[in-house]
Amino acid sequence: MFARLRRLLSRPAALSTLSSLAAYQQWAAAYPPTAHNVLMQTEEAAMLSLLPDVRGAVVLDLACGSGRYARIALERGARLALGVDNSEAMLRVNALPLRALGALDSIPLATACMDGVLCGLAIGHIPRLQPAAAEIARVLKPGGWALISDFHPFVFLNGARRTFTGADGRTYAVEHYAHLYSDVQEAFTQAGLVVECVLEPRLDPSFAATPAGMGGAPVVIVYRMRKPL
């Protein structure tokens, strides 16, 4: 597990960095549909601790990847869960019955059609938050919620990188931008959402082998936001 996590968030020399689209084009066939390392398990636990009651809700899994959060929403009673991602490769291996091609800053849905938006570990792939924040706010119904996670900026700024092994056997870093809490709050507040709660979970201190660059600092950051009535 720890060897895999070191590959996921590591800082080897002279890594080639791929755009998120290019990375997932290569990664899709091997990308697991579950939280497949301790960092993602930490992220998922924090997300689920803040997840509102989704029974009967219409939920968007934005930048859905493998459809992990849409499936969780359906398991918890959501009436409908739609996955949207900008990677055709990820959508092809995604087993969700409802999925569509779309980007964080261009969601192919009507205004005020969603009770909730789940967006896991994706906003770090985009350099500017404002367009994505505006789109998330647009598709939410009044009173709707957004639950958004990201790799913690402290981890990235300390030199760790999200990496994967490509089909060619080489290790690549994935395009990532560090968004501070203040950046996220400003972008989503301007879009008309209210930040209700923030979690910054750390890895369990009992872990004997802590990957380089992670130390005792938070490894992910999770935001719950609300669109006012």
Protein backbone atom coordinates (compact mmCIF):
# COMPACT_ATOMS: atom_id res chain seq x y z
CA MET A 1 0.00 0.00 0.00
CA PHE A 2 2.70 2.49 0.96
CA ALA A 3 4.79 1.69 -2.09
CA ARG A 4 1.77 2.49 -4.24
CA LEU A 5 1.14 5.71 -2.32
CA ARG A 6 4.76 6.76 -2.80
CA ARG A 7 4.25 6.31 -6.54
CA LEU A 8 1.01 8.30 -6.37
CA LEU A 9 2.49 11.23 -4.48
CA SER A 10 6.24 11.32 -4.95
CA ARG A 11 8.98 13.66 -6.00
CA PRO A 12 11.42 11.84 -8.27
CA ALA A 13 13.78 13.86 -10.41
CA ALA A 14 13.09 14.84 -14.01
CA LEU A 15 9.51 13.60 -14.21
CA SER A 16 7.57 14.41 -17.36
CA THR A 17 4.28 16.15 -16.53
CA LEU A 18 1.25 15.35 -18.68
CA SER A 19 -1.92 17.38 -19.03
CA SER A 20 -4.79 15.78 -17.17
CA LEU A 21 -6.40 14.77 -20.48
CA ALA A 22 -3.22 13.12 -21.74
CA ALA A 23 -2.63 11.45 -18.38
CA TYR A 24 -6.09 9.90 -18.11
CA GLN A 25 -5.95 8.81 -21.74
CA GLN A 26 -3.08 6.55 -20.68
CA TRP A 27 -4.26 5.81 -17.13
CA ALA A 28 -7.91 4.97 -17.80
CA ALA A 29 -7.54 1.26 -18.60
CA ALA A 30 -5.72 0.59 -15.32
CA TYR A 31 -7.49 3.13 -13.09
CA PRO A 32 -9.29 1.29 -10.24
CA PRO A 33 -12.98 2.14 -9.63
CA THR A 34 -12.51 2.46 -5.86
CA ALA A 35 -10.39 4.45 -3.39
CA HIS A 36 -7.26 2.44 -4.11
CA ASN A 37 -4.66 3.88 -1.73
CA VAL A 38 -4.53 5.29 1.78
CA LEU A 39 -4.67 8.92 0.63
CA MET A 40 -7.84 8.31 -1.41
CA GLN A 41 -9.33 6.33 1.48
CA THR A 42 -8.61 9.31 3.76
CA GLU A 43 -10.24 11.62 1.22
CA GLU A 44 -13.30 9.41 0.81
CA ALA A 45 -13.84 9.10 4.55
CA ALA A 46 -13.79 12.89 4.90
CA MET A 47 -16.14 13.35 1.94
CA LEU A 48 -18.63 10.83 3.29
CA SER A 49 -18.55 12.42 6.75
CA LEU A 50 -19.83 15.65 5.16
CA LEU A 51 -22.20 14.08 2.61
CA PRO A 52 -25.80 15.24 3.12
CA ASP A 53 -28.70 12.80 2.97
CA VAL A 54 -29.02 11.94 -0.73
CA ARG A 55 -32.16 9.79 -0.56
CA GLY A 56 -34.37 10.79 -3.48
CA ALA A 57 -31.86 13.39 -4.70
CA VAL A 58 -30.56 14.09 -8.20
CA VAL A 59 -26.77 14.19 -7.93
CA LEU A 60 -23.95 15.10 -10.29
CA ASP A 61 -20.58 13.34 -10.01
CA LEU A 62 -18.48 16.03 -11.69
CA ALA A 63 -15.11 14.97 -13.13
CA CYS A 64 -16.43 11.53 -12.27
CA GLY A 65 -13.49 9.48 -13.51
CA SER A 66 -14.37 5.90 -12.60
CA GLY A 67 -17.77 7.00 -11.25
CA ARG A 68 -16.81 6.33 -7.64
CA TYR A 69 -19.01 8.99 -6.05
CA ALA A 70 -22.01 8.48 -8.32
CA ARG A 71 -22.10 4.83 -7.28
CA ILE A 72 -21.86 5.80 -3.62
CA ALA A 73 -24.74 8.25 -4.07
CA LEU A 74 -26.87 5.56 -5.70
CA GLU A 75 -26.01 3.08 -2.95
CA ARG A 76 -27.22 5.68 -0.43
CA GLY A 77 -30.57 6.15 -2.15
CA ALA A 78 -30.10 8.91 -4.72
CA ARG A 79 -32.90 8.90 -7.28
CA LEU A 80 -30.47 9.67 -10.09
CA ALA A 81 -26.69 10.07 -10.29
CA LEU A 82 -25.09 11.40 -13.46
CA GLY A 83 -21.36 11.28 -14.18
CA VAL A 84 -19.68 14.01 -16.22
CA ASP A 85 -16.01 13.93 -17.22
CA ASN A 86 -13.84 15.54 -19.90
CA SER A 87 -11.91 12.31 -20.53
CA GLU A 88 -13.50 10.09 -23.17
CA ALA A 89 -11.10 7.33 -22.12
CA MET A 90 -12.36 7.40 -18.53
CA LEU A 91 -15.99 7.49 -19.65
CA ARG A 92 -15.44 4.42 -21.84
CA VAL A 93 -14.32 2.34 -18.85
CA ASN A 94 -16.92 3.88 -16.54
CA ALA A 95 -19.85 1.55 -15.80
CA LEU A 96 -22.32 4.29 -14.82
CA PRO A 97 -25.62 4.03 -16.73
CA LEU A 98 -25.81 7.83 -17.02
CA ARG A 99 -22.62 9.61 -18.08
CA ALA A 100 -21.72 12.44 -20.40
CA LEU A 101 -18.72 14.28 -21.79
CA GLY A 102 -18.19 17.68 -20.20
CA ALA A 103 -15.67 19.82 -18.35
CA LEU A 104 -15.55 21.46 -14.95
CA ASP A 105 -16.00 24.84 -16.60
CA SER A 106 -18.57 23.67 -19.18
CA ILE A 107 -21.15 21.34 -17.67
CA PRO A 108 -23.65 20.08 -20.28
CA LEU A 109 -26.68 20.42 -18.01
CA ALA A 110 -29.56 22.81 -17.54
CA THR A 111 -29.49 25.56 -14.94
CA ALA A 112 -30.78 24.67 -11.45
CA CYS A 113 -31.25 20.97 -12.18
CA MET A 114 -29.14 19.29 -9.48
CA ASP A 115 -29.77 18.78 -5.77
CA GLY A 116 -26.07 18.13 -5.16
CA VAL A 117 -22.67 18.06 -6.84
CA LEU A 118 -19.84 15.74 -5.86
CA CYS A 119 -16.38 16.55 -7.23
CA GLY A 120 -13.52 14.42 -5.96
CA LEU A 121 -9.83 15.28 -6.40
CA ALA A 122 -10.33 17.21 -9.64
CA ILE A 123 -10.17 20.97 -9.12
CA GLY A 124 -6.38 20.74 -8.80
CA HIS A 125 -6.25 19.87 -12.51
CA ILE A 126 -7.45 23.34 -13.52
CA PRO A 127 -5.45 26.58 -13.24
CA ARG A 128 -8.44 28.89 -12.70
CA LEU A 129 -11.24 28.14 -10.26
CA GLN A 130 -13.72 30.88 -11.13
CA PRO A 131 -15.22 29.31 -14.31
CA ALA A 132 -15.72 25.96 -12.59
CA ALA A 133 -17.21 27.59 -9.50
CA ALA A 134 -19.67 29.52 -11.67
CA GLU A 135 -20.75 26.34 -13.48
CA ILE A 136 -21.22 24.37 -10.28
CA ALA A 137 -23.31 27.19 -8.83
CA ARG A 138 -25.33 27.41 -12.06
CA VAL A 139 -26.42 23.75 -12.16
CA LEU A 140 -27.35 23.62 -8.46
CA LYS A 141 -30.91 24.21 -7.37
CA PRO A 142 -31.45 26.87 -4.68
CA GLY A 143 -30.63 25.16 -1.40
CA GLY A 144 -28.46 22.63 -3.20
CA TRP A 145 -25.02 21.56 -1.96
CA ALA A 146 -21.58 20.92 -3.41
CA LEU A 147 -19.00 18.60 -1.87
CA ILE A 148 -15.53 19.17 -3.32
CA SER A 149 -12.17 17.65 -2.45
CA ASP A 150 -8.61 18.31 -3.58
CA PHE A 151 -5.10 17.20 -2.74
CA HIS A 152 -4.02 19.55 0.00
CA PRO A 153 -1.93 22.46 -1.36
CA PHE A 154 0.61 21.93 1.45
CA VAL A 155 1.45 18.50 0.04
CA PHE A 156 2.00 19.84 -3.46
CA LEU A 157 3.94 22.90 -2.31
CA ASN A 158 6.21 20.60 -0.28
CA GLY A 159 7.23 18.91 -3.52
CA ALA A 160 4.96 15.86 -3.75
CA ARG A 161 3.42 15.03 -7.11
CA ARG A 162 0.57 12.83 -8.22
CA THR A 163 2.12 10.19 -10.46
CA PHE A 164 1.18 7.05 -12.37
CA THR A 165 2.85 4.44 -14.54
CA GLY A 166 1.95 4.77 -18.21
CA ALA A 167 1.38 2.02 -20.71
CA ASP A 168 4.99 2.52 -21.82
CA GLY A 169 6.24 1.65 -18.32
CA ARG A 170 7.39 5.20 -17.59
CA THR A 171 6.31 7.19 -14.54
CA TYR A 172 4.55 10.49 -15.23
CA ALA A 173 3.32 13.37 -13.10
CA VAL A 174 -0.19 14.67 -13.68
CA GLU A 175 -0.87 18.37 -14.25
CA HIS A 176 -1.76 19.98 -10.92
CA TYR A 177 -2.27 23.49 -9.52
CA ALA A 178 -2.16 24.30 -5.81
CA HIS A 179 -5.35 26.11 -4.74
CA LEU A 180 -5.23 27.58 -1.25
CA TYR A 181 -8.30 27.62 0.98
CA SER A 182 -8.57 31.38 0.43
CA ASP A 183 -8.53 30.88 -3.37
CA VAL A 184 -11.35 28.36 -3.20
CA GLN A 185 -13.40 30.45 -0.80
CA GLU A 186 -13.07 33.55 -2.97
CA ALA A 187 -13.98 31.77 -6.22
CA PHE A 188 -17.03 29.98 -4.86
CA THR A 189 -18.23 32.95 -2.82
CA GLN A 190 -18.12 35.08 -5.95
CA ALA A 191 -20.15 32.38 -7.69
CA GLY A 192 -22.82 32.67 -5.02
CA LEU A 193 -22.10 29.64 -2.85
CA VAL A 194 -21.55 29.65 0.90
CA VAL A 195 -18.73 27.54 2.39
CA GLU A 196 -20.40 25.58 5.21
CA CYS A 197 -17.62 23.32 6.37
CA VAL A 198 -13.97 22.47 5.66
CA LEU A 199 -12.02 19.35 6.65
CA GLU A 200 -8.24 18.89 6.38
CA PRO A 201 -7.59 15.24 7.29
CA ARG A 202 -4.13 13.87 7.93
CA LEU A 203 -2.85 10.36 7.51
CA ASP A 204 -3.19 8.21 10.60
CA PRO A 205 -0.08 9.01 12.74
CA SER A 206 0.34 5.31 13.47
CA PHE A 207 1.50 4.69 9.90
CA ALA A 208 5.16 3.75 10.13
CA ALA A 209 6.11 4.69 6.57
CA THR A 210 4.96 8.20 5.74
CA PRO A 211 5.63 9.14 2.09
CA ALA A 212 8.09 11.94 1.42
CA GLY A 213 6.61 15.42 1.52
CA MET A 214 3.55 14.43 3.58
CA GLY A 215 4.82 14.39 7.15
CA GLY A 216 2.13 15.35 9.67
CA ALA A 217 0.50 17.89 7.38
CA PRO A 218 -3.03 17.51 5.99
CA VAL A 219 -3.07 15.40 2.83
CA VAL A 220 -6.43 16.43 1.40
CA ILE A 221 -8.90 19.26 1.84
CA VAL A 222 -12.67 18.86 1.59
CA TYR A 223 -15.26 21.65 1.25
CA ARG A 224 -19.03 21.52 1.67
CA MET A 225 -20.82 24.46 0.10
CA ARG A 226 -24.43 25.50 -0.19
CA LYS A 227 -26.40 27.56 -2.70
CA PRO A 228 -28.67 29.90 -0.73
CA LEU A 229 -32.45 29.62 -1.16
